[in-house]
Amino acid sequence: MCSLSSSIMHRQRSFEDLGTPLSAVTFCVVDLETTGGSPTDCAITEVGACKVRRGEVVGTFHSLVNPNCHIPAYISMLTGIDQVTVAEAPPIETVLPNLLEFVKGSVIVAHNARFDVSFLNVALERAAYPRLSNAVVDTATLARKILAGEVPNNRLETLARHLRCAHKPSHRAYPDVLATIDVLHHLIERVAGFGVTTLEDLMQISATRLDGTFKKISLCDRVPRGVGVYRFIGNDGRTLYVGKASDLRSRVRSYFYGDPRRKIRNLLRETQRVDYDCYDTLLEAEIAEAREIARDMPSYNRTGKRSGTWFVKIARGRNPKVSTTRSPKDDGALYLGPYPSLRPARALIEALRDAARIHRCTEPKKCHGCVFADLGTCVGPDSVHEEVVRLAEAITSDPAAVLDALVERMNRLARQERYEEAAEIRDRGALLERTLMRGIEADAWAACEELVIEVGGKELRFRRGCLDSPGDPAADEWKVLSSWLRNRGEGASVVSVRGELALPVALGVRLRFKTRDRE
């Protein structure tokens, strides 16, 4: 792990850390003239292209194209290209090989790029070439974001006039290419003031709101690429938000690229600096994130989340009453849980009612023909308390009895063509199964005194589901380990185990045991 200051002192930063500098990018500005607006029904009549690097032209390409079809009169009036003009020109199939060689290895730039690129791709497919794979920058989209409110529209003629470009478009391929180059350079100069200095930043601008928060993107200047945890810090030094990323720089900068959520805009307004820590593996980063959230309780990590736990209470006595509660008491009742929300707690109660004779009314002692009994959904005074307690005590270790009862009822409803009710039972059973599985996982990790696994060539030691590393473990840290195994743990190897390791199959199959003994 490295801190912000130590990474600056001890790590030589490279272009790969920051992205591709715009000064190192070769842009190939392209413009086409065509017989109409549909790439499938119309054809190309002229191709113009120009390669520029560091603001200077390094190559040009221009060719008229015989479309082998009629050129409408209005197109000829607009462009000056008619049948006579292209009579001796080569067909597009002859032009394409040279054009592909010309654009190879460059970033394609065009004004309304979708139009030009779609025409080229259709022509390539018809000539049995692969589609263009170049990165594409659209100056019209850039202008829409960067010059919003300055210009009445984003047509090339309007932009060239507004920016006082040296070249004016004329609905011919090569002059329009020169005008597009001028517009591109003006737009790059504009965004440079916001800290956009790499190709990756420029590609993201099309999704950016250049509001008062975007200028804070400079806070990310020293954030490297690589796995780690990032923190948005406010005025008083408190942590506003904590997150993890497999690419710190890309993830942190993405917040400034016009996220429409009000929560994110408010977060950026309060942020005064961005800190980070680097890790060797994403698993370590995920655990560090969980620990920091538990320790600092950042306000933006908690916004919109309901915290708390729920329990299912089974009152002891002749007639068992089953209900939900926030916290258990020393009252002789049986408590199941905790559950992260009210929904799985209620699902468990419904499952118990499907598997045993349990009251639905609020006062079992007074249940003598209640409305629920009249509807056939309450068992009346004949509920069997011992059966309910037995099921409740066994459910966390062997939930099959309850789940099997749900499956039986679901199938019975389906046979009766009561499909909506059967679907409700299915969904409730799936929720209950997931909830119970988490409890089984918690018990499994608690029973494992020590587990050493190898991840990405590094050995990580876990004690009862918590990573053996500096810092206090987070509550339920085992959930991070289970989630990582479930979603990313393919190939993780067990080096050694002390104690019992009895994971559910869904997690256990993700772990493979080393054939060698650990030294």
Protein backbone atom coordinates (compact mmCIF):
# COMPACT_ATOMS: atom_id res chain seq x y z
CA MET A 1 0.00 0.00 0.00
CA CYS A 2 1.22 3.49 -0.72
CA SER A 3 -0.07 6.87 0.41
CA LEU A 4 -0.54 9.93 -1.75
CA SER A 5 2.75 11.48 -0.72
CA SER A 6 4.80 8.30 -0.90
CA SER A 7 3.55 7.44 -4.38
CA ILE A 8 4.68 10.84 -5.62
CA MET A 9 8.12 10.51 -4.04
CA HIS A 10 8.92 6.93 -4.92
CA ARG A 11 7.10 6.20 -8.16
CA GLN A 12 8.27 7.39 -11.57
CA ARG A 13 5.14 8.31 -13.46
CA SER A 14 4.82 7.40 -17.12
CA PHE A 15 2.53 8.36 -19.99
CA GLU A 16 0.64 5.10 -19.41
CA ASP A 17 -0.27 6.36 -15.92
CA LEU A 18 -1.72 9.59 -17.21
CA GLY A 19 -3.08 8.50 -20.58
CA THR A 20 -1.95 9.39 -24.10
CA PRO A 21 -0.86 13.06 -24.31
CA LEU A 22 -2.62 14.96 -27.07
CA SER A 23 0.79 16.03 -28.34
CA ALA A 24 1.55 12.38 -29.11
CA VAL A 25 -1.70 11.69 -30.98
CA THR A 26 -1.97 11.64 -34.75
CA PHE A 27 -5.42 12.88 -35.75
CA CYS A 28 -6.76 12.01 -39.19
CA VAL A 29 -9.48 14.51 -40.07
CA VAL A 30 -11.90 13.07 -42.64
CA ASP A 31 -14.75 14.49 -44.69
CA LEU A 32 -16.93 12.89 -47.37
CA GLU A 33 -19.26 14.20 -50.02
CA THR A 34 -22.09 11.84 -50.98
CA THR A 35 -25.14 11.53 -53.20
CA GLY A 36 -27.49 11.69 -50.21
CA GLY A 37 -27.93 11.02 -46.51
CA SER A 38 -28.40 7.22 -46.35
CA PRO A 39 -25.22 5.09 -46.30
CA THR A 40 -27.15 2.06 -47.56
CA ASP A 41 -28.95 3.78 -50.46
CA CYS A 42 -26.46 6.51 -51.40
CA ALA A 43 -22.79 6.57 -52.43
CA ILE A 44 -19.58 8.51 -51.81
CA THR A 45 -18.52 11.08 -54.42
CA GLU A 46 -15.43 12.60 -52.76
CA VAL A 47 -13.01 11.74 -49.94
CA GLY A 48 -10.75 14.23 -48.19
CA ALA A 49 -8.41 13.47 -45.28
CA CYS A 50 -5.54 15.17 -43.52
CA LYS A 51 -3.25 13.89 -40.78
CA VAL A 52 -2.12 16.35 -38.11
CA ARG A 53 0.17 15.98 -35.12
CA ARG A 54 1.07 18.70 -32.63
CA GLY A 55 -0.94 21.13 -34.70
CA GLU A 56 0.96 20.54 -37.93
CA VAL A 57 -0.12 18.73 -41.09
CA VAL A 58 1.88 15.53 -41.67
CA GLY A 59 -0.05 14.03 -44.59
CA THR A 60 -2.94 14.66 -46.97
CA PHE A 61 -5.33 12.49 -48.97
CA HIS A 62 -7.88 13.57 -51.57
CA SER A 63 -9.83 11.75 -54.26
CA LEU A 64 -13.00 12.16 -56.24
CA VAL A 65 -15.06 8.96 -56.39
CA ASN A 66 -17.29 7.67 -59.13
CA PRO A 67 -20.49 6.59 -57.33
CA ASN A 68 -21.71 4.60 -60.34
CA CYS A 69 -25.16 6.03 -59.73
CA HIS A 70 -27.13 9.18 -60.41
CA ILE A 71 -26.12 12.36 -58.53
CA PRO A 72 -29.25 14.39 -57.67
CA ALA A 73 -29.39 17.93 -59.00
CA TYR A 74 -29.64 19.51 -55.54
CA ILE A 75 -26.44 17.68 -54.50
CA SER A 76 -24.65 18.99 -57.59
CA MET A 77 -25.84 22.52 -56.79
CA LEU A 78 -24.62 22.20 -53.19
CA THR A 79 -21.22 20.61 -53.83
CA GLY A 80 -20.47 21.41 -57.44
CA ILE A 81 -19.93 17.70 -58.10
CA ASP A 82 -21.91 16.33 -61.04
CA GLN A 83 -21.72 13.31 -63.34
CA VAL A 84 -19.11 14.96 -65.56
CA THR A 85 -16.89 15.78 -62.54
CA VAL A 86 -16.65 12.13 -61.45
CA ALA A 87 -16.81 10.46 -64.87
CA GLU A 88 -13.08 9.64 -64.89
CA ALA A 89 -12.77 9.16 -61.09
CA PRO A 90 -12.03 5.71 -59.58
CA PRO A 91 -14.78 3.75 -57.80
CA ILE A 92 -14.75 3.58 -54.01
CA GLU A 93 -13.41 -0.01 -54.11
CA THR A 94 -10.22 1.35 -55.70
CA VAL A 95 -9.92 4.25 -53.24
CA LEU A 96 -10.43 2.24 -50.05
CA PRO A 97 -7.04 0.40 -49.85
CA ASN A 98 -5.09 3.66 -49.98
CA LEU A 99 -7.48 5.35 -47.58
CA LEU A 100 -7.20 2.50 -45.06
CA GLU A 101 -3.43 2.72 -45.17
CA PHE A 102 -3.63 6.48 -44.70
CA VAL A 103 -5.87 6.36 -41.58
CA LYS A 104 -4.06 3.38 -40.03
CA GLY A 105 -2.90 4.01 -36.46
CA SER A 106 -4.60 7.41 -36.18
CA VAL A 107 -7.59 8.85 -34.36
CA ILE A 108 -10.32 9.70 -36.86
CA VAL A 109 -11.85 13.16 -36.52
CA ALA A 110 -14.94 14.31 -38.40
CA HIS A 111 -17.72 16.85 -38.04
CA ASN A 112 -20.89 14.81 -37.41
CA ALA A 113 -18.65 11.76 -37.41
CA ARG A 114 -21.49 9.25 -37.40
CA PHE A 115 -22.37 10.29 -40.97
CA ASP A 116 -18.85 9.91 -42.39
CA VAL A 117 -17.94 6.77 -40.46
CA SER A 118 -21.19 5.00 -41.35
CA PHE A 119 -20.66 5.67 -45.09
CA LEU A 120 -17.09 4.36 -44.88
CA ASN A 121 -18.11 1.25 -42.93
CA VAL A 122 -20.86 0.37 -45.41
CA ALA A 123 -18.41 0.79 -48.29
CA LEU A 124 -15.82 -1.35 -46.47
CA GLU A 125 -18.30 -4.15 -45.80
CA ARG A 126 -19.41 -4.20 -49.43
CA ALA A 127 -15.77 -4.48 -50.49
CA ALA A 128 -15.18 -7.32 -47.96
CA TYR A 129 -13.00 -5.21 -45.64
CA PRO A 130 -13.42 -5.09 -41.86
CA ARG A 131 -15.11 -2.04 -40.34
CA LEU A 132 -13.01 0.84 -39.02
CA SER A 133 -11.56 0.15 -35.58
CA ASN A 134 -10.00 3.60 -35.03
CA ALA A 135 -10.99 5.77 -32.10
CA VAL A 136 -13.30 8.55 -33.31
CA VAL A 137 -13.63 12.17 -32.17
CA ASP A 138 -16.66 14.15 -33.30
CA THR A 139 -16.04 17.91 -33.41
CA ALA A 140 -19.79 18.60 -33.57
CA THR A 141 -20.35 16.76 -30.30
CA LEU A 142 -17.36 18.46 -28.70
CA ALA A 143 -18.64 21.88 -29.77
CA ARG A 144 -22.10 21.08 -28.41
CA LYS A 145 -20.58 20.62 -24.96
CA ILE A 146 -17.78 23.18 -25.00
CA LEU A 147 -19.54 26.05 -26.78
CA ALA A 148 -23.01 25.57 -25.32
CA GLY A 149 -24.77 28.94 -25.28
CA GLU A 150 -22.15 30.64 -27.44
CA VAL A 151 -23.36 29.63 -30.88
CA PRO A 152 -26.89 29.25 -32.33
CA ASN A 153 -26.05 25.85 -33.84
CA ASN A 154 -23.12 23.49 -34.31
CA ARG A 155 -22.87 23.46 -38.09
CA LEU A 156 -19.32 23.58 -39.38
CA GLU A 157 -19.93 26.92 -41.15
CA THR A 158 -21.25 28.48 -37.94
CA LEU A 159 -18.34 27.24 -35.83
CA ALA A 160 -15.70 28.31 -38.37
CA ARG A 161 -17.19 31.81 -38.45
CA HIS A 162 -17.60 32.05 -34.65
CA LEU A 163 -14.04 30.84 -33.98
CA ARG A 164 -12.62 32.98 -36.81
CA CYS A 165 -10.98 30.00 -38.45
CA ALA A 166 -8.50 30.56 -41.27
CA HIS A 167 -10.29 28.08 -43.52
CA LYS A 168 -13.96 28.24 -44.50
CA PRO A 169 -16.04 25.16 -45.36
CA SER A 170 -17.51 24.99 -48.87
CA HIS A 171 -19.28 21.60 -49.05
CA ARG A 172 -16.23 20.05 -50.67
CA ALA A 173 -14.25 17.36 -48.92
CA TYR A 174 -10.78 18.87 -48.59
CA PRO A 175 -11.76 22.48 -47.72
CA ASP A 176 -14.15 21.09 -45.12
CA VAL A 177 -11.29 18.98 -43.71
CA LEU A 178 -9.13 22.10 -43.29
CA ALA A 179 -11.98 23.93 -41.55
CA THR A 180 -12.56 20.96 -39.26
CA ILE A 181 -8.86 20.96 -38.31
CA ASP A 182 -9.13 24.62 -37.30
CA VAL A 183 -12.24 23.90 -35.21
CA LEU A 184 -10.58 20.91 -33.55
CA HIS A 185 -7.55 22.95 -32.51
CA HIS A 186 -9.73 25.76 -31.11
CA LEU A 187 -11.78 23.27 -29.09
CA ILE A 188 -8.66 21.57 -27.71
CA GLU A 189 -7.34 24.97 -26.62
CA ARG A 190 -10.63 25.64 -24.80
CA VAL A 191 -10.65 22.39 -22.84
CA ALA A 192 -6.95 22.59 -22.01
CA GLY A 193 -7.94 25.21 -19.46
CA PHE A 194 -10.01 22.55 -17.70
CA GLY A 195 -7.07 20.17 -17.43
CA VAL A 196 -7.87 18.07 -20.51
CA THR A 197 -4.45 17.10 -21.82
CA THR A 198 -4.86 13.46 -22.89
CA LEU A 199 -6.74 11.63 -25.60
CA GLU A 200 -8.71 9.71 -22.98
CA ASP A 201 -9.91 13.00 -21.46
CA LEU A 202 -10.87 14.36 -24.87
CA MET A 203 -12.85 11.22 -25.69
CA GLN A 204 -14.84 11.67 -22.48
CA ILE A 205 -15.70 15.30 -23.12
CA SER A 206 -18.73 14.39 -25.24
CA ALA A 207 -20.43 13.17 -22.04
CA THR A 208 -19.26 16.10 -19.90
CA ARG A 209 -21.16 18.97 -18.39
CA LEU A 210 -18.65 21.81 -18.33
CA ASP A 211 -20.14 23.36 -15.24
CA GLY A 212 -18.53 24.76 -12.11
CA THR A 213 -17.43 21.34 -10.89
CA PHE A 214 -15.58 20.22 -14.02
CA LYS A 215 -12.65 22.55 -13.36
CA LYS A 216 -11.98 20.48 -10.23
CA ILE A 217 -10.82 17.65 -12.47
CA SER A 218 -7.32 18.98 -11.79
CA LEU A 219 -7.64 17.38 -8.34
CA CYS A 220 -7.08 14.07 -10.15
CA ASP A 221 -3.78 15.08 -11.75
CA ARG A 222 -1.64 13.00 -9.39
CA VAL A 223 -3.95 9.98 -9.18
CA PRO A 224 -2.22 7.01 -10.88
CA ARG A 225 -3.60 4.10 -12.81
CA GLY A 226 -3.79 0.80 -10.99
CA VAL A 227 -5.79 -0.94 -8.27
CA GLY A 228 -6.65 1.04 -5.18
CA VAL A 229 -9.03 2.95 -2.95
CA TYR A 230 -9.88 6.62 -3.47
CA ARG A 231 -11.37 9.18 -1.10
CA PHE A 232 -13.09 12.50 -1.76
CA ILE A 233 -12.12 14.89 1.05
CA GLY A 234 -14.12 17.95 2.10
CA ASN A 235 -13.25 21.35 3.57
CA ASP A 236 -12.74 20.19 7.14
CA GLY A 237 -10.65 17.18 6.16
CA ARG A 238 -13.52 14.74 6.63
CA THR A 239 -14.03 11.92 4.18
CA LEU A 240 -17.06 12.50 1.98
CA TYR A 241 -16.94 9.35 -0.13
CA VAL A 242 -14.81 6.19 -0.39
CA GLY A 243 -14.63 3.92 -3.42
CA LYS A 244 -12.47 1.21 -4.97
CA ALA A 245 -11.28 0.83 -8.55
CA SER A 246 -9.19 -1.43 -10.74
CA ASP A 247 -8.03 1.76 -12.52
CA LEU A 248 -7.91 4.60 -10.01
CA ARG A 249 -7.24 7.41 -12.45
CA SER A 250 -9.96 6.45 -14.91
CA ARG A 251 -12.55 5.88 -12.19
CA VAL A 252 -11.91 9.09 -10.25
CA ARG A 253 -11.87 11.27 -13.38
CA SER A 254 -15.16 9.71 -14.54
CA TYR A 255 -16.98 11.55 -11.72
CA PHE A 256 -16.15 14.87 -13.39
CA TYR A 257 -17.43 13.79 -16.81
CA GLY A 258 -20.99 15.01 -16.44
CA ASP A 259 -22.59 12.50 -14.08
CA PRO A 260 -26.27 13.60 -14.10
CA ARG A 261 -26.99 12.50 -10.54
CA ARG A 262 -27.55 15.37 -8.11
CA LYS A 263 -25.77 13.41 -5.42
CA ILE A 264 -22.56 13.35 -7.47
CA ARG A 265 -22.74 17.04 -8.37
CA ASN A 266 -23.15 17.91 -4.69
CA LEU A 267 -20.25 15.62 -3.80
CA LEU A 268 -17.96 17.36 -6.30
CA ARG A 269 -18.94 20.81 -5.03
CA GLU A 270 -17.88 19.86 -1.51
CA THR A 271 -14.69 18.04 -2.53
CA GLN A 272 -11.41 19.87 -1.92
CA ARG A 273 -8.93 17.08 -2.58
CA VAL A 274 -8.72 13.46 -3.67
CA ASP A 275 -6.58 10.97 -1.72
CA TYR A 276 -5.83 7.41 -2.63
CA ASP A 277 -4.05 4.22 -1.54
CA CYS A 278 -2.64 1.65 -3.95
CA TYR A 279 -2.97 -2.13 -3.51
CA ASP A 280 -1.64 -5.20 -5.25
CA THR A 281 -5.01 -6.92 -5.65
CA LEU A 282 -8.61 -5.83 -6.02
CA LEU A 283 -9.58 -8.04 -3.07
CA GLU A 284 -7.34 -6.00 -0.76
CA ALA A 285 -8.84 -2.80 -2.17
CA GLU A 286 -12.40 -4.03 -1.59
CA ILE A 287 -11.62 -4.92 2.01
CA ALA A 288 -9.87 -1.59 2.59
CA GLU A 289 -12.91 0.20 1.17
CA ALA A 290 -15.25 -1.67 3.55
CA ARG A 291 -13.03 -0.86 6.53
CA GLU A 292 -12.81 2.84 5.70
CA ILE A 293 -16.56 3.14 5.20
CA ALA A 294 -17.16 1.42 8.54
CA ARG A 295 -14.57 3.62 10.27
CA ASP A 296 -15.34 7.05 8.76
CA MET A 297 -19.02 6.59 7.83
CA PRO A 298 -18.74 8.98 4.83
CA SER A 299 -21.97 10.86 4.27
CA TYR A 300 -22.12 10.17 0.53
CA ASN A 301 -21.61 6.43 1.00
CA ARG A 302 -24.62 6.35 3.26
CA THR A 303 -26.99 8.67 1.36
CA GLY A 304 -30.15 6.87 0.35
CA LYS A 305 -29.25 3.71 2.26
CA ARG A 306 -31.37 2.49 5.13
CA SER A 307 -29.22 1.01 7.83
CA GLY A 308 -30.22 -1.33 10.61
CA THR A 309 -31.02 -4.95 11.28
CA TRP A 310 -34.18 -6.97 11.75
CA PHE A 311 -34.99 -10.15 13.65
CA VAL A 312 -37.83 -12.65 13.52
CA LYS A 313 -39.31 -13.22 16.97
CA ILE A 314 -41.15 -16.41 17.92
CA ALA A 315 -42.86 -15.95 21.26
CA ARG A 316 -42.86 -19.03 23.46
CA GLY A 317 -46.06 -20.28 24.98
CA ARG A 318 -49.04 -22.35 24.08
CA ASN A 319 -49.88 -20.37 20.94
CA PRO A 320 -46.74 -19.13 19.17
CA LYS A 321 -46.82 -15.58 17.85
CA VAL A 322 -44.36 -14.76 15.07
CA SER A 323 -43.39 -11.14 14.41
CA THR A 324 -40.53 -8.87 13.35
CA THR A 325 -38.52 -6.71 15.70
CA ARG A 326 -35.51 -4.41 15.59
CA SER A 327 -33.61 -5.96 18.50
CA PRO A 328 -33.83 -9.17 20.57
CA LYS A 329 -34.69 -9.12 24.27
CA ASP A 330 -34.12 -11.49 27.15
CA ASP A 331 -37.78 -12.53 27.31
CA GLY A 332 -37.56 -16.25 26.59
CA ALA A 333 -38.59 -15.85 22.97
CA LEU A 334 -36.68 -17.41 20.08
CA TYR A 335 -35.01 -14.86 17.77
CA LEU A 336 -33.81 -15.53 14.23
CA GLY A 337 -31.45 -13.12 12.50
CA PRO A 338 -30.15 -10.56 12.15
CA TYR A 339 -31.33 -9.74 8.63
CA PRO A 340 -30.17 -6.65 6.71
CA SER A 341 -33.71 -5.40 5.99
CA LEU A 342 -37.34 -6.02 6.79
CA ARG A 343 -37.99 -7.81 3.51
CA PRO A 344 -36.05 -11.05 4.19
CA ALA A 345 -37.43 -11.13 7.75
CA ARG A 346 -40.96 -11.04 6.43
CA ALA A 347 -40.08 -13.62 3.79
CA LEU A 348 -38.94 -15.96 6.57
CA ILE A 349 -42.22 -15.51 8.43
CA GLU A 350 -44.21 -16.31 5.29
CA ALA A 351 -42.02 -19.35 4.70
CA LEU A 352 -42.60 -20.57 8.26
CA ARG A 353 -46.35 -20.14 7.78
CA ASP A 354 -46.14 -22.28 4.65
CA ALA A 355 -44.22 -24.99 6.50
CA ALA A 356 -45.98 -25.05 9.88
CA ARG A 357 -49.25 -24.14 11.59
CA ILE A 358 -48.69 -20.51 12.65
CA HIS A 359 -51.13 -17.78 13.55
CA ARG A 360 -51.55 -14.83 11.21
CA CYS A 361 -53.64 -12.80 13.62
CA THR A 362 -52.04 -10.44 16.12
CA GLU A 363 -53.52 -12.05 19.24
CA PRO A 364 -53.30 -15.86 19.04
CA LYS A 365 -54.86 -16.29 22.50
CA LYS A 366 -58.04 -14.60 21.31
CA CYS A 367 -58.14 -16.37 17.95
CA HIS A 368 -61.58 -17.91 17.73
CA GLY A 369 -62.77 -17.71 14.15
CA CYS A 370 -60.85 -14.53 13.25
CA VAL A 371 -61.14 -13.02 9.79
CA PHE A 372 -57.90 -14.76 8.74
CA ALA A 373 -59.36 -18.12 9.80
CA ASP A 374 -62.50 -17.39 7.79
CA LEU A 375 -60.27 -16.75 4.77
CA GLY A 376 -58.44 -20.01 5.40
CA THR A 377 -55.11 -18.31 6.10
CA CYS A 378 -54.97 -18.65 9.89
CA VAL A 379 -54.75 -21.98 11.71
CA GLY A 380 -56.98 -20.97 14.59
CA PRO A 381 -56.37 -22.30 18.11
CA ASP A 382 -54.82 -25.53 16.86
CA SER A 383 -51.31 -24.29 16.01
CA VAL A 384 -48.53 -26.61 17.06
CA HIS A 385 -45.90 -24.62 18.96
CA GLU A 386 -43.32 -27.37 19.16
CA GLU A 387 -43.32 -27.81 15.38
CA VAL A 388 -42.76 -24.10 14.84
CA VAL A 389 -39.88 -23.93 17.32
CA ARG A 390 -38.27 -27.03 15.82
CA LEU A 391 -38.37 -25.54 12.34
CA ALA A 392 -37.08 -22.20 13.57
CA GLU A 393 -34.14 -23.74 15.42
CA ALA A 394 -33.17 -25.87 12.42
CA ILE A 395 -33.64 -23.31 9.69
CA THR A 396 -30.17 -21.71 9.85
CA SER A 397 -28.36 -25.05 9.73
CA ASP A 398 -30.71 -27.02 7.46
CA PRO A 399 -33.27 -24.84 5.69
CA ALA A 400 -34.45 -27.69 3.49
CA ALA A 401 -37.64 -28.26 5.49
CA VAL A 402 -38.88 -24.73 4.97
CA LEU A 403 -37.63 -24.40 1.39
CA ASP A 404 -39.12 -27.76 0.42
CA ALA A 405 -42.47 -26.66 1.82
CA LEU A 406 -42.28 -23.53 -0.34
CA VAL A 407 -41.46 -25.58 -3.44
CA GLU A 408 -44.36 -27.95 -2.71
CA ARG A 409 -46.82 -25.09 -2.33
CA MET A 410 -45.50 -23.34 -5.46
CA ASN A 411 -45.97 -26.51 -7.51
CA ARG A 412 -49.45 -27.05 -6.09
CA LEU A 413 -50.48 -23.51 -7.04
CA ALA A 414 -49.02 -23.96 -10.52
CA ARG A 415 -51.00 -27.16 -11.01
CA GLN A 416 -54.12 -25.22 -10.06
CA GLU A 417 -53.13 -22.59 -12.68
CA ARG A 418 -52.79 -19.95 -9.96
CA TYR A 419 -49.62 -18.72 -11.59
CA GLU A 420 -49.38 -15.26 -10.02
CA GLU A 421 -49.51 -16.75 -6.52
CA ALA A 422 -46.97 -19.42 -7.54
CA ALA A 423 -44.62 -16.70 -8.83
CA GLU A 424 -44.94 -14.86 -5.53
CA ILE A 425 -43.98 -18.02 -3.64
CA ARG A 426 -41.05 -18.56 -6.03
CA ASP A 427 -39.69 -15.04 -5.50
CA ARG A 428 -40.13 -15.25 -1.74
CA GLY A 429 -38.35 -18.58 -1.64
CA ALA A 430 -35.43 -17.24 -3.72
CA LEU A 431 -35.07 -14.27 -1.35
CA LEU A 432 -35.20 -16.53 1.67
CA GLU A 433 -32.65 -18.92 0.17
CA ARG A 434 -30.21 -16.06 -0.45
CA THR A 435 -30.70 -14.75 3.07
CA LEU A 436 -30.16 -18.14 4.65
CA MET A 437 -27.11 -18.75 2.46
CA ARG A 438 -25.50 -15.62 3.88
CA GLY A 439 -26.02 -16.98 7.36
CA ILE A 440 -24.40 -20.29 6.40
CA GLU A 441 -21.48 -18.40 4.88
CA ALA A 442 -21.07 -16.34 8.06
CA ASP A 443 -20.92 -19.49 10.17
CA ALA A 444 -18.45 -21.08 7.76
CA TRP A 445 -16.02 -18.16 7.93
CA ALA A 446 -16.38 -17.94 11.70
CA ALA A 447 -15.34 -21.60 11.97
CA CYS A 448 -12.22 -21.11 9.83
CA GLU A 449 -9.42 -20.09 12.17
CA GLU A 450 -7.04 -19.24 9.34
CA LEU A 451 -7.17 -19.36 5.57
CA VAL A 452 -4.25 -18.43 3.31
CA ILE A 453 -5.10 -17.94 -0.36
CA GLU A 454 -2.97 -16.92 -3.30
CA VAL A 455 -4.40 -14.15 -5.48
CA GLY A 456 -2.47 -12.78 -8.42
CA GLY A 457 0.78 -14.24 -7.13
CA LYS A 458 0.32 -12.77 -3.64
CA GLU A 459 -0.59 -14.70 -0.48
CA LEU A 460 -3.36 -13.21 1.68
CA ARG A 461 -4.09 -14.46 5.18
CA PHE A 462 -7.64 -14.41 6.58
CA ARG A 463 -8.57 -15.12 10.20
CA ARG A 464 -12.22 -16.04 10.65
CA GLY A 465 -13.11 -14.25 7.41
CA CYS A 466 -11.11 -11.06 8.13
CA LEU A 467 -7.94 -10.05 6.29
CA ASP A 468 -4.85 -10.12 8.49
CA SER A 469 -3.59 -6.61 7.74
CA PRO A 470 -3.14 -3.28 9.58
CA GLY A 471 -6.38 -1.66 10.64
CA ASP A 472 -9.49 -2.80 12.46
CA PRO A 473 -11.65 -5.32 10.58
CA ALA A 474 -15.05 -4.12 9.44
CA ALA A 475 -18.20 -5.73 10.72
CA ASP A 476 -19.20 -8.57 8.40
CA GLU A 477 -15.93 -8.31 6.50
CA TRP A 478 -16.52 -11.88 5.42
CA LYS A 479 -19.21 -10.54 3.08
CA VAL A 480 -16.53 -8.79 1.03
CA LEU A 481 -14.53 -12.01 0.77
CA SER A 482 -17.62 -14.02 -0.19
CA SER A 483 -18.67 -11.45 -2.80
CA TRP A 484 -15.18 -11.37 -4.28
CA LEU A 485 -15.03 -15.17 -4.50
CA ARG A 486 -18.46 -15.27 -6.09
CA ASN A 487 -17.78 -12.60 -8.74
CA ARG A 488 -14.01 -12.50 -9.31
CA GLY A 489 -12.44 -15.38 -7.48
CA GLU A 490 -11.86 -17.75 -10.38
CA GLY A 491 -8.33 -19.10 -10.04
CA ALA A 492 -7.78 -18.19 -6.38
CA SER A 493 -5.70 -20.93 -4.73
CA VAL A 494 -5.83 -22.18 -1.15
CA VAL A 495 -2.34 -22.36 0.32
CA SER A 496 -3.29 -23.53 3.81
CA VAL A 497 -6.28 -23.93 6.11
CA ARG A 498 -6.44 -24.13 9.90
CA GLY A 499 -9.77 -25.05 11.38
CA GLU A 500 -12.88 -26.03 9.44
CA LEU A 501 -13.58 -24.65 5.97
CA ALA A 502 -17.07 -25.69 4.84
CA LEU A 503 -18.21 -23.15 2.27
CA PRO A 504 -21.40 -23.46 0.20
CA VAL A 505 -20.77 -25.04 -3.18
CA ALA A 506 -21.30 -21.72 -5.00
CA LEU A 507 -18.22 -20.34 -3.23
CA GLY A 508 -16.21 -23.49 -2.65
CA VAL A 509 -15.88 -24.33 -6.33
CA ARG A 510 -14.14 -21.00 -6.82
CA LEU A 511 -11.24 -22.10 -4.65
CA ARG A 512 -8.68 -24.62 -5.77
CA PHE A 513 -6.15 -26.17 -3.42
CA LYS A 514 -2.44 -25.98 -4.07
CA THR A 515 -0.86 -29.34 -4.79
CA ARG A 516 2.34 -28.32 -3.03
CA ASP A 517 2.71 -27.99 0.71
CA ARG A 518 3.22 -24.49 1.95
CA GLU A 519 6.74 -23.92 3.19
